[in-house]
Amino acid sequence: ESDFIYFTSTGMGIQDIAVAKEIYNTAIEKNLGV
């Protein structure tokens, strides 16, 4: 409990791709987009 923890990240493109894939799937289901 008393530990000080330091977290840092640079970000990974695979995170964006995974989130975008779910958005894309939903758009297909809802017939959204052009």
PDB file of all heavy atoms in Angstrom:
ATOM      1  N   GLU A   1       0.813  -1.216   0.000  1.00  0.00           N
ATOM      2  CA  GLU A   1       0.000   0.000   0.000  1.00  0.00           C
ATOM      3  C   GLU A   1       0.846   1.264   0.000  1.00  0.00           C
ATOM      4  O   GLU A   1       0.489   2.270  -0.603  1.00  0.00           O
ATOM      5  CB  GLU A   1      -0.938  -0.022   1.210  1.00  0.00           C
ATOM      6  CG  GLU A   1      -1.952   1.103   1.217  1.00  0.00           C
ATOM      7  CD  GLU A   1      -2.951   0.977   2.344  1.00  0.00           C
ATOM      8  OE1 GLU A   1      -3.325  -0.160   2.694  1.00  0.00           O
ATOM      9  OE2 GLU A   1      -3.361   2.026   2.882  1.00  0.00           O
ATOM     10  N   SER A   2       1.989   1.234   0.675  1.00  0.00           N
ATOM     11  CA  SER A   2       2.808   2.444   0.824  1.00  0.00           C
ATOM     12  C   SER A   2       3.760   2.696  -0.342  1.00  0.00           C
ATOM     13  O   SER A   2       4.452   3.711  -0.367  1.00  0.00           O
ATOM     14  CB  SER A   2       3.615   2.368   2.127  1.00  0.00           C
ATOM     15  OG  SER A   2       4.494   1.245   2.099  1.00  0.00           O
ATOM     16  N   ASP A   3       3.806   1.788  -1.314  1.00  0.00           N
ATOM     17  CA  ASP A   3       4.708   1.971  -2.459  1.00  0.00           C
ATOM     18  C   ASP A   3       4.291   3.162  -3.319  1.00  0.00           C
ATOM     19  O   ASP A   3       3.099   3.387  -3.559  1.00  0.00           O
ATOM     20  CB  ASP A   3       4.721   0.730  -3.348  1.00  0.00           C
ATOM     21  CG  ASP A   3       5.680  -0.340  -2.856  1.00  0.00           C
ATOM     22  OD1 ASP A   3       6.412  -0.085  -1.870  1.00  0.00           O
ATOM     23  OD2 ASP A   3       5.689  -1.444  -3.447  1.00  0.00           O
ATOM     24  N   PHE A   4       5.290   3.901  -3.808  1.00  0.00           N
ATOM     25  CA  PHE A   4       5.059   4.890  -4.867  1.00  0.00           C
ATOM     26  C   PHE A   4       5.352   4.207  -6.197  1.00  0.00           C
ATOM     27  O   PHE A   4       6.440   3.682  -6.413  1.00  0.00           O
ATOM     28  CB  PHE A   4       5.950   6.114  -4.686  1.00  0.00           C
ATOM     29  CG  PHE A   4       6.046   6.976  -5.926  1.00  0.00           C
ATOM     30  CD1 PHE A   4       4.902   7.397  -6.591  1.00  0.00           C
ATOM     31  CD2 PHE A   4       7.280   7.354  -6.448  1.00  0.00           C
ATOM     32  CE1 PHE A   4       4.980   8.174  -7.741  1.00  0.00           C
ATOM     33  CE2 PHE A   4       7.379   8.136  -7.589  1.00  0.00           C
ATOM     34  CZ  PHE A   4       6.226   8.544  -8.239  1.00  0.00           C
ATOM     35  N   ILE A   5       4.370   4.196  -7.081  1.00  0.00           N
ATOM     36  CA  ILE A   5       4.510   3.532  -8.374  1.00  0.00           C
ATOM     37  C   ILE A   5       4.474   4.571  -9.491  1.00  0.00           C
ATOM     38  O   ILE A   5       3.611   5.461  -9.504  1.00  0.00           O
ATOM     39  CB  ILE A   5       3.414   2.471  -8.592  1.00  0.00           C
ATOM     40  CG1 ILE A   5       3.510   1.396  -7.505  1.00  0.00           C
ATOM     41  CG2 ILE A   5       3.547   1.827  -9.977  1.00  0.00           C
ATOM     42  CD1 ILE A   5       2.461   0.298  -7.620  1.00  0.00           C
ATOM     43  N   TYR A   6       5.407   4.439 -10.408  1.00  0.00           N
ATOM     44  CA  TYR A   6       5.511   5.350 -11.553  1.00  0.00           C
ATOM     45  C   TYR A   6       5.169   4.576 -12.824  1.00  0.00           C
ATOM     46  O   TYR A   6       5.771   3.541 -13.104  1.00  0.00           O
ATOM     47  CB  TYR A   6       6.941   5.906 -11.629  1.00  0.00           C
ATOM     48  CG  TYR A   6       7.261   6.714 -12.868  1.00  0.00           C
ATOM     49  CD1 TYR A   6       7.012   8.089 -12.907  1.00  0.00           C
ATOM     50  CD2 TYR A   6       7.830   6.121 -13.984  1.00  0.00           C
ATOM     51  CE1 TYR A   6       7.314   8.837 -14.034  1.00  0.00           C
ATOM     52  CE2 TYR A   6       8.141   6.859 -15.116  1.00  0.00           C
ATOM     53  CZ  TYR A   6       7.881   8.212 -15.138  1.00  0.00           C
ATOM     54  OH  TYR A   6       8.184   8.943 -16.249  1.00  0.00           O
ATOM     55  N   PHE A   7       4.179   5.057 -13.567  1.00  0.00           N
ATOM     56  CA  PHE A   7       3.801   4.433 -14.834  1.00  0.00           C
ATOM     57  C   PHE A   7       3.927   5.440 -15.963  1.00  0.00           C
ATOM     58  O   PHE A   7       3.445   6.579 -15.857  1.00  0.00           O
ATOM     59  CB  PHE A   7       2.364   3.916 -14.795  1.00  0.00           C
ATOM     60  CG  PHE A   7       1.877   3.413 -16.132  1.00  0.00           C
ATOM     61  CD1 PHE A   7       2.272   2.165 -16.608  1.00  0.00           C
ATOM     62  CD2 PHE A   7       1.046   4.192 -16.931  1.00  0.00           C
ATOM     63  CE1 PHE A   7       1.840   1.699 -17.854  1.00  0.00           C
ATOM     64  CE2 PHE A   7       0.605   3.737 -18.171  1.00  0.00           C
ATOM     65  CZ  PHE A   7       1.003   2.486 -18.629  1.00  0.00           C
ATOM     66  N   THR A   8       4.568   5.020 -17.043  1.00  0.00           N
ATOM     67  CA  THR A   8       4.642   5.874 -18.223  1.00  0.00           C
ATOM     68  C   THR A   8       4.410   5.030 -19.463  1.00  0.00           C
ATOM     69  O   THR A   8       4.706   3.824 -19.489  1.00  0.00           O
ATOM     70  CB  THR A   8       5.991   6.615 -18.307  1.00  0.00           C
ATOM     71  OG1 THR A   8       5.932   7.602 -19.349  1.00  0.00           O
ATOM     72  CG2 THR A   8       7.144   5.665 -18.595  1.00  0.00           C
ATOM     73  N   SER A   9       3.869   5.664 -20.486  1.00  0.00           N
ATOM     74  CA  SER A   9       3.544   4.945 -21.716  1.00  0.00           C
ATOM     75  C   SER A   9       3.816   5.828 -22.912  1.00  0.00           C
ATOM     76  O   SER A   9       3.719   7.061 -22.835  1.00  0.00           O
ATOM     77  CB  SER A   9       2.067   4.524 -21.714  1.00  0.00           C
ATOM     78  OG  SER A   9       1.233   5.666 -21.578  1.00  0.00           O
ATOM     79  N   THR A  10       4.150   5.197 -24.021  1.00  0.00           N
ATOM     80  CA  THR A  10       4.353   5.953 -25.254  1.00  0.00           C
ATOM     81  C   THR A  10       3.201   5.768 -26.220  1.00  0.00           C
ATOM     82  O   THR A  10       3.067   6.481 -27.195  1.00  0.00           O
ATOM     83  CB  THR A  10       5.675   5.537 -25.937  1.00  0.00           C
ATOM     84  OG1 THR A  10       5.967   6.416 -27.020  1.00  0.00           O
ATOM     85  CG2 THR A  10       5.613   4.101 -26.453  1.00  0.00           C
ATOM     86  N   GLY A  11       2.332   4.797 -25.934  1.00  0.00           N
ATOM     87  CA  GLY A  11       1.193   4.551 -26.813  1.00  0.00           C
ATOM     88  C   GLY A  11       1.557   3.586 -27.929  1.00  0.00           C
ATOM     89  O   GLY A  11       2.658   3.641 -28.474  1.00  0.00           O
ATOM     90  N   MET A  12       0.626   2.712 -28.258  1.00  0.00           N
ATOM     91  CA  MET A  12       0.885   1.695 -29.280  1.00  0.00           C
ATOM     92  C   MET A  12      -0.225   1.726 -30.326  1.00  0.00           C
ATOM     93  O   MET A  12      -1.418   1.730 -29.989  1.00  0.00           O
ATOM     94  CB  MET A  12       0.968   0.301 -28.643  1.00  0.00           C
ATOM     95  CG  MET A  12       2.060   0.180 -27.589  1.00  0.00           C
ATOM     96  SD  MET A  12       2.191  -1.477 -26.873  1.00  0.00           S
ATOM     97  CE  MET A  12       0.713  -1.532 -25.834  1.00  0.00           C
ATOM     98  N   GLY A  13       0.171   1.730 -31.594  1.00  0.00           N
ATOM     99  CA  GLY A  13      -0.799   1.771 -32.672  1.00  0.00           C
ATOM    100  C   GLY A  13      -1.777   0.613 -32.650  1.00  0.00           C
ATOM    101  O   GLY A  13      -2.911   0.736 -33.124  1.00  0.00           O
ATOM    102  N   ILE A  14      -1.364  -0.517 -32.077  1.00  0.00           N
ATOM    103  CA  ILE A  14      -2.267  -1.676 -32.026  1.00  0.00           C
ATOM    104  C   ILE A  14      -3.480  -1.396 -31.141  1.00  0.00           C
ATOM    105  O   ILE A  14      -4.536  -2.009 -31.317  1.00  0.00           O
ATOM    106  CB  ILE A  14      -1.540  -2.958 -31.560  1.00  0.00           C
ATOM    107  CG1 ILE A  14      -0.803  -2.732 -30.237  1.00  0.00           C
ATOM    108  CG2 ILE A  14      -0.588  -3.444 -32.639  1.00  0.00           C
ATOM    109  CD1 ILE A  14      -0.143  -3.992 -29.674  1.00  0.00           C
ATOM    110  N   GLN A  15      -3.359  -0.468 -30.210  1.00  0.00           N
ATOM    111  CA  GLN A  15      -4.509  -0.084 -29.390  1.00  0.00           C
ATOM    112  C   GLN A  15      -5.535   0.662 -30.241  1.00  0.00           C
ATOM    113  O   GLN A  15      -6.739   0.377 -30.177  1.00  0.00           O
ATOM    114  CB  GLN A  15      -4.047   0.802 -28.228  1.00  0.00           C
ATOM    115  CG  GLN A  15      -3.112   0.103 -27.261  1.00  0.00           C
ATOM    116  CD  GLN A  15      -2.434   1.078 -26.310  1.00  0.00           C
ATOM    117  OE1 GLN A  15      -2.092   2.196 -26.693  1.00  0.00           O
ATOM    118  NE2 GLN A  15      -2.225   0.658 -25.080  1.00  0.00           N
ATOM    119  N   ASP A  16      -5.053   1.591 -31.049  1.00  0.00           N
ATOM    120  CA  ASP A  16      -5.942   2.340 -31.936  1.00  0.00           C
ATOM    121  C   ASP A  16      -6.639   1.411 -32.925  1.00  0.00           C
ATOM    122  O   ASP A  16      -7.831   1.562 -33.198  1.00  0.00           O
ATOM    123  CB  ASP A  16      -5.143   3.394 -32.703  1.00  0.00           C
ATOM    124  CG  ASP A  16      -4.444   4.371 -31.788  1.00  0.00           C
ATOM    125  OD1 ASP A  16      -5.107   5.293 -31.294  1.00  0.00           O
ATOM    126  OD2 ASP A  16      -3.234   4.212 -31.575  1.00  0.00           O
ATOM    127  N   ILE A  17      -5.894   0.445 -33.454  1.00  0.00           N
ATOM    128  CA  ILE A  17      -6.453  -0.477 -34.438  1.00  0.00           C
ATOM    129  C   ILE A  17      -7.550  -1.330 -33.826  1.00  0.00           C
ATOM    130  O   ILE A  17      -8.611  -1.542 -34.429  1.00  0.00           O
ATOM    131  CB  ILE A  17      -5.334  -1.355 -35.039  1.00  0.00           C
ATOM    132  CG1 ILE A  17      -4.358  -0.484 -35.844  1.00  0.00           C
ATOM    133  CG2 ILE A  17      -5.907  -2.466 -35.928  1.00  0.00           C
ATOM    134  CD1 ILE A  17      -3.046  -1.166 -36.170  1.00  0.00           C
ATOM    135  N   ALA A  18      -7.330  -1.803 -32.602  1.00  0.00           N
ATOM    136  CA  ALA A  18      -8.330  -2.641 -31.932  1.00  0.00           C
ATOM    137  C   ALA A  18      -9.606  -1.852 -31.659  1.00  0.00           C
ATOM    138  O   ALA A  18     -10.719  -2.332 -31.905  1.00  0.00           O
ATOM    139  CB  ALA A  18      -7.759  -3.208 -30.639  1.00  0.00           C
ATOM    140  N   VAL A  19      -9.459  -0.635 -31.137  1.00  0.00           N
ATOM    141  CA  VAL A  19     -10.638   0.191 -30.874  1.00  0.00           C
ATOM    142  C   VAL A  19     -11.349   0.528 -32.180  1.00  0.00           C
ATOM    143  O   VAL A  19     -12.578   0.448 -32.285  1.00  0.00           O
ATOM    144  CB  VAL A  19     -10.244   1.481 -30.121  1.00  0.00           C
ATOM    145  CG1 VAL A  19     -11.455   2.411 -29.967  1.00  0.00           C
ATOM    146  CG2 VAL A  19      -9.663   1.147 -28.750  1.00  0.00           C
ATOM    147  N   ALA A  20     -10.571   0.881 -33.215  1.00  0.00           N
ATOM    148  CA  ALA A  20     -11.152   1.218 -34.511  1.00  0.00           C
ATOM    149  C   ALA A  20     -11.882   0.028 -35.129  1.00  0.00           C
ATOM    150  O   ALA A  20     -12.908   0.197 -35.798  1.00  0.00           O
ATOM    151  CB  ALA A  20     -10.070   1.725 -35.459  1.00  0.00           C
ATOM    152  N   LYS A  21     -11.362  -1.190 -34.904  1.00  0.00           N
ATOM    153  CA  LYS A  21     -12.026  -2.387 -35.429  1.00  0.00           C
ATOM    154  C   LYS A  21     -13.421  -2.533 -34.815  1.00  0.00           C
ATOM    155  O   LYS A  21     -14.386  -2.853 -35.514  1.00  0.00           O
ATOM    156  CB  LYS A  21     -11.177  -3.617 -35.109  1.00  0.00           C
ATOM    157  CG  LYS A  21     -11.851  -4.984 -35.409  1.00  0.00           C
ATOM    158  CD  LYS A  21     -11.984  -5.241 -36.886  1.00  0.00           C
ATOM    159  CE  LYS A  21     -12.649  -6.594 -37.188  1.00  0.00           C
ATOM    160  NZ  LYS A  21     -11.877  -7.759 -36.730  1.00  0.00           N
ATOM    161  N   GLU A  22     -13.552  -2.316 -33.512  1.00  0.00           N
ATOM    162  CA  GLU A  22     -14.859  -2.405 -32.864  1.00  0.00           C
ATOM    163  C   GLU A  22     -15.800  -1.319 -33.383  1.00  0.00           C
ATOM    164  O   GLU A  22     -16.996  -1.564 -33.590  1.00  0.00           O
ATOM    165  CB  GLU A  22     -14.701  -2.299 -31.348  1.00  0.00           C
ATOM    166  CG  GLU A  22     -13.952  -3.454 -30.713  1.00  0.00           C
ATOM    167  CD  GLU A  22     -14.689  -4.771 -30.904  1.00  0.00           C
ATOM    168  OE1 GLU A  22     -15.914  -4.812 -30.696  1.00  0.00           O
ATOM    169  OE2 GLU A  22     -14.038  -5.769 -31.267  1.00  0.00           O
ATOM    170  N   ILE A  23     -15.272  -0.125 -33.593  1.00  0.00           N
ATOM    171  CA  ILE A  23     -16.068   0.973 -34.158  1.00  0.00           C
ATOM    172  C   ILE A  23     -16.545   0.590 -35.562  1.00  0.00           C
ATOM    173  O   ILE A  23     -17.717   0.777 -35.927  1.00  0.00           O
ATOM    174  CB  ILE A  23     -15.239   2.271 -34.215  1.00  0.00           C
ATOM    175  CG1 ILE A  23     -14.854   2.749 -32.809  1.00  0.00           C
ATOM    176  CG2 ILE A  23     -15.987   3.357 -34.990  1.00  0.00           C
ATOM    177  CD1 ILE A  23     -15.972   3.300 -31.982  1.00  0.00           C
ATOM    178  N   TYR A  24     -15.637   0.049 -36.354  1.00  0.00           N
ATOM    179  CA  TYR A  24     -15.958  -0.359 -37.730  1.00  0.00           C
ATOM    180  C   TYR A  24     -17.049  -1.428 -37.739  1.00  0.00           C
ATOM    181  O   TYR A  24     -18.015  -1.336 -38.517  1.00  0.00           O
ATOM    182  CB  TYR A  24     -14.682  -0.877 -38.399  1.00  0.00           C
ATOM    183  CG  TYR A  24     -14.893  -1.503 -39.762  1.00  0.00           C
ATOM    184  CD1 TYR A  24     -15.083  -0.714 -40.895  1.00  0.00           C
ATOM    185  CD2 TYR A  24     -14.884  -2.892 -39.915  1.00  0.00           C
ATOM    186  CE1 TYR A  24     -15.269  -1.289 -42.151  1.00  0.00           C
ATOM    187  CE2 TYR A  24     -15.062  -3.474 -41.158  1.00  0.00           C
ATOM    188  CZ  TYR A  24     -15.257  -2.671 -42.270  1.00  0.00           C
ATOM    189  OH  TYR A  24     -15.444  -3.243 -43.509  1.00  0.00           O
ATOM    190  N   ASN A  25     -16.921  -2.423 -36.882  1.00  0.00           N
ATOM    191  CA  ASN A  25     -17.934  -3.495 -36.821  1.00  0.00           C
ATOM    192  C   ASN A  25     -19.313  -2.937 -36.480  1.00  0.00           C
ATOM    193  O   ASN A  25     -20.327  -3.331 -37.061  1.00  0.00           O
ATOM    194  CB  ASN A  25     -17.529  -4.544 -35.784  1.00  0.00           C
ATOM    195  CG  ASN A  25     -16.361  -5.399 -36.229  1.00  0.00           C
ATOM    196  OD1 ASN A  25     -16.001  -5.416 -37.403  1.00  0.00           O
ATOM    197  ND2 ASN A  25     -15.754  -6.100 -35.289  1.00  0.00           N
ATOM    198  N   THR A  26     -19.337  -2.000 -35.529  1.00  0.00           N
ATOM    199  CA  THR A  26     -20.607  -1.394 -35.131  1.00  0.00           C
ATOM    200  C   THR A  26     -21.190  -0.559 -36.263  1.00  0.00           C
ATOM    201  O   THR A  26     -22.408  -0.554 -36.487  1.00  0.00           O
ATOM    202  CB  THR A  26     -20.420  -0.531 -33.877  1.00  0.00           C
ATOM    203  OG1 THR A  26     -19.864  -1.332 -32.833  1.00  0.00           O
ATOM    204  CG2 THR A  26     -21.736   0.060 -33.408  1.00  0.00           C
ATOM    205  N   ALA A  27     -20.314   0.152 -36.985  1.00  0.00           N
ATOM    206  CA  ALA A  27     -20.780   0.966 -38.109  1.00  0.00           C
ATOM    207  C   ALA A  27     -21.419   0.097 -39.191  1.00  0.00           C
ATOM    208  O   ALA A  27     -22.441   0.473 -39.788  1.00  0.00           O
ATOM    209  CB  ALA A  27     -19.610   1.766 -38.689  1.00  0.00           C
ATOM    210  N   ILE A  28     -20.840  -1.063 -39.440  1.00  0.00           N
ATOM    211  CA  ILE A  28     -21.410  -1.988 -40.420  1.00  0.00           C
ATOM    212  C   ILE A  28     -22.790  -2.465 -39.949  1.00  0.00           C
ATOM    213  O   ILE A  28     -23.755  -2.499 -40.725  1.00  0.00           O
ATOM    214  CB  ILE A  28     -20.473  -3.193 -40.638  1.00  0.00           C
ATOM    215  CG1 ILE A  28     -19.141  -2.745 -41.267  1.00  0.00           C
ATOM    216  CG2 ILE A  28     -21.150  -4.250 -41.504  1.00  0.00           C
ATOM    217  CD1 ILE A  28     -19.261  -2.166 -42.653  1.00  0.00           C
ATOM    218  N   GLU A  29     -22.881  -2.808 -38.672  1.00  0.00           N
ATOM    219  CA  GLU A  29     -24.158  -3.272 -38.118  1.00  0.00           C
ATOM    220  C   GLU A  29     -25.234  -2.194 -38.187  1.00  0.00           C
ATOM    221  O   GLU A  29     -26.401  -2.482 -38.474  1.00  0.00           O
ATOM    222  CB  GLU A  29     -23.968  -3.701 -36.660  1.00  0.00           C
ATOM    223  CG  GLU A  29     -23.122  -4.954 -36.475  1.00  0.00           C
ATOM    224  CD  GLU A  29     -22.810  -5.206 -35.013  1.00  0.00           C
ATOM    225  OE1 GLU A  29     -23.355  -4.463 -34.151  1.00  0.00           O
ATOM    226  OE2 GLU A  29     -22.033  -6.133 -34.717  1.00  0.00           O
ATOM    227  N   LYS A  30     -24.856  -0.947 -37.944  1.00  0.00           N
ATOM    228  CA  LYS A  30     -25.824   0.148 -37.909  1.00  0.00           C
ATOM    229  C   LYS A  30     -25.973   0.856 -39.252  1.00  0.00           C
ATOM    230  O   LYS A  30     -26.745   1.821 -39.368  1.00  0.00           O
ATOM    231  CB  LYS A  30     -25.400   1.174 -36.845  1.00  0.00           C
ATOM    232  CG  LYS A  30     -25.479   0.654 -35.414  1.00  0.00           C
ATOM    233  CD  LYS A  30     -25.193   1.761 -34.418  1.00  0.00           C
ATOM    234  CE  LYS A  30     -25.427   1.295 -32.987  1.00  0.00           C
ATOM    235  NZ  LYS A  30     -25.232   2.394 -32.009  1.00  0.00           N
ATOM    236  N   ASN A  31     -25.228   0.409 -40.250  1.00  0.00           N
ATOM    237  CA  ASN A  31     -25.267   1.014 -41.583  1.00  0.00           C
ATOM    238  C   ASN A  31     -24.915   2.504 -41.526  1.00  0.00           C
ATOM    239  O   ASN A  31     -25.581   3.355 -42.107  1.00  0.00           O
ATOM    240  CB  ASN A  31     -26.640   0.822 -42.229  1.00  0.00           C
ATOM    241  CG  ASN A  31     -26.618   1.103 -43.728  1.00  0.00           C
ATOM    242  OD1 ASN A  31     -25.592   0.922 -44.396  1.00  0.00           O
ATOM    243  ND2 ASN A  31     -27.734   1.572 -44.262  1.00  0.00           N
ATOM    244  N   LEU A  32     -23.831   2.792 -40.800  1.00  0.00           N
ATOM    245  CA  LEU A  32     -23.357   4.164 -40.672  1.00  0.00           C
ATOM    246  C   LEU A  32     -22.101   4.377 -41.516  1.00  0.00           C
ATOM    247  O   LEU A  32     -21.394   3.434 -41.858  1.00  0.00           O
ATOM    248  CB  LEU A  32     -23.052   4.481 -39.207  1.00  0.00           C
ATOM    249  CG  LEU A  32     -24.260   4.583 -38.274  1.00  0.00           C
ATOM    250  CD1 LEU A  32     -23.794   4.706 -36.829  1.00  0.00           C
ATOM    251  CD2 LEU A  32     -25.145   5.761 -38.649  1.00  0.00           C
ATOM    252  N   GLY A  33     -21.820   5.616 -41.827  1.00  0.00           N
ATOM    253  CA  GLY A  33     -20.646   5.942 -42.620  1.00  0.00           C
ATOM    254  C   GLY A  33     -20.984   6.081 -44.097  1.00  0.00           C
ATOM    255  O   GLY A  33     -22.110   5.830 -44.532  1.00  0.00           O
ATOM    256  N   VAL A  34     -19.994   6.479 -44.850  1.00  0.00           N
ATOM    257  CA  VAL A  34     -20.144   6.658 -46.294  1.00  0.00           C
ATOM    258  C   VAL A  34     -19.248   5.647 -47.011  1.00  0.00           C
ATOM    259  O   VAL A  34     -18.034   5.604 -46.753  1.00  0.00           O
ATOM    260  CB  VAL A  34     -19.751   8.094 -46.723  1.00  0.00           C
ATOM    261  CG1 VAL A  34     -19.852   8.249 -48.237  1.00  0.00           C
ATOM    262  CG2 VAL A  34     -20.631   9.115 -46.008  1.00  0.00           C
TER     263      VAL A  34
END
